[in-house]
Amino acid sequence: METENLDWEKAKKHFDFIRQVYLDLEGFSGVNTSFALDFVFKPLAVRYNNGERTQELFEEMMNVE
C-alpha cells in the first residue's frame, strides 16, 4: 500500500476519538489511563504532528483501542 493512498483524515479522527475515551476515563475512581496515554498515544501523536506519514504509523493509529 502506498502512503499517499492512505486516508489520514480517517486515521486521525479514529485516533483522536479513542484518545478522548481514555481521557474521559481518567476521572473515574480506580481507573488509571496514564500508561496508555503516555506510552501509546503520546508517541503516536508526536510522530503524526512532526509530519510522519508512513504505513506503519497509519496502521498503529488505526489499531488503537
Protein backbone atom coordinates (compact mmCIF):
# COMPACT_ATOMS: atom_id res chain seq x y z
CA MET A 1 0.00 0.00 0.00
CA GLU A 2 1.39 3.39 -0.96
CA THR A 3 1.29 6.02 1.75
CA GLU A 4 -0.35 8.66 -0.46
CA ASN A 5 -3.39 6.38 -0.78
CA LEU A 6 -3.91 6.15 2.98
CA ASP A 7 -6.86 8.00 4.50
CA TRP A 8 -5.03 10.11 7.06
CA GLU A 9 -8.15 12.07 7.96
CA LYS A 10 -9.87 8.82 8.94
CA ALA A 11 -6.82 7.66 10.94
CA LYS A 12 -6.59 10.98 12.81
CA LYS A 13 -10.32 11.00 13.56
CA HIS A 14 -10.20 7.44 14.92
CA PHE A 15 -7.06 8.15 16.94
CA ASP A 16 -8.49 11.33 18.46
CA PHE A 17 -11.79 9.63 19.32
CA ILE A 18 -10.13 6.72 21.13
CA ARG A 19 -7.68 9.06 22.88
CA GLN A 20 -10.63 11.11 24.14
CA VAL A 21 -12.26 7.96 25.51
CA TYR A 22 -9.11 7.33 27.56
CA LEU A 23 -9.04 10.95 28.72
CA ASP A 24 -12.69 10.73 29.77
CA LEU A 25 -11.99 7.58 31.81
CA GLU A 26 -9.35 9.36 33.90
CA GLY A 27 -12.00 10.86 36.17
CA PHE A 28 -13.32 7.51 37.37
CA SER A 29 -12.17 6.09 40.67
CA GLY A 30 -9.72 3.22 40.27
CA VAL A 31 -9.10 3.88 36.58
CA ASN A 32 -5.57 4.76 35.53
CA THR A 33 -5.12 5.55 31.86
CA SER A 34 -1.85 7.44 32.19
CA PHE A 35 0.24 4.49 30.99
CA ALA A 36 -1.71 4.20 27.75
CA LEU A 37 -1.79 7.96 27.25
CA ASP A 38 1.93 8.41 27.93
CA PHE A 39 3.34 5.34 26.22
CA VAL A 40 0.90 4.69 23.37
CA PHE A 41 -1.00 7.82 22.42
CA LYS A 42 1.62 10.49 23.09
CA PRO A 43 4.40 8.95 20.92
CA LEU A 44 1.97 8.36 18.06
CA ALA A 45 0.69 11.93 18.29
CA VAL A 46 4.25 13.29 18.29
CA ARG A 47 5.12 11.29 15.18
CA TYR A 48 1.95 12.45 13.42
CA ASN A 49 2.40 16.09 14.45
CA ASN A 50 6.01 16.01 13.25
CA GLY A 51 4.74 15.16 9.77
CA GLU A 52 5.39 11.43 9.63
CA ARG A 53 3.08 9.74 7.16
CA THR A 54 4.21 6.14 6.96
CA GLN A 55 2.16 3.00 6.56
CA GLU A 56 3.44 1.85 9.95
CA LEU A 57 2.13 4.99 11.69
CA PHE A 58 -1.18 4.76 9.84
CA GLU A 59 -1.70 1.17 10.98
CA GLU A 60 -0.70 1.97 14.56
CA MET A 61 -3.14 4.90 14.69
CA MET A 62 -5.95 2.79 13.23
CA ASN A 63 -5.27 -0.08 15.65
CA VAL A 64 -5.52 1.82 18.93
CA GLU A 65 -8.35 0.51 21.08
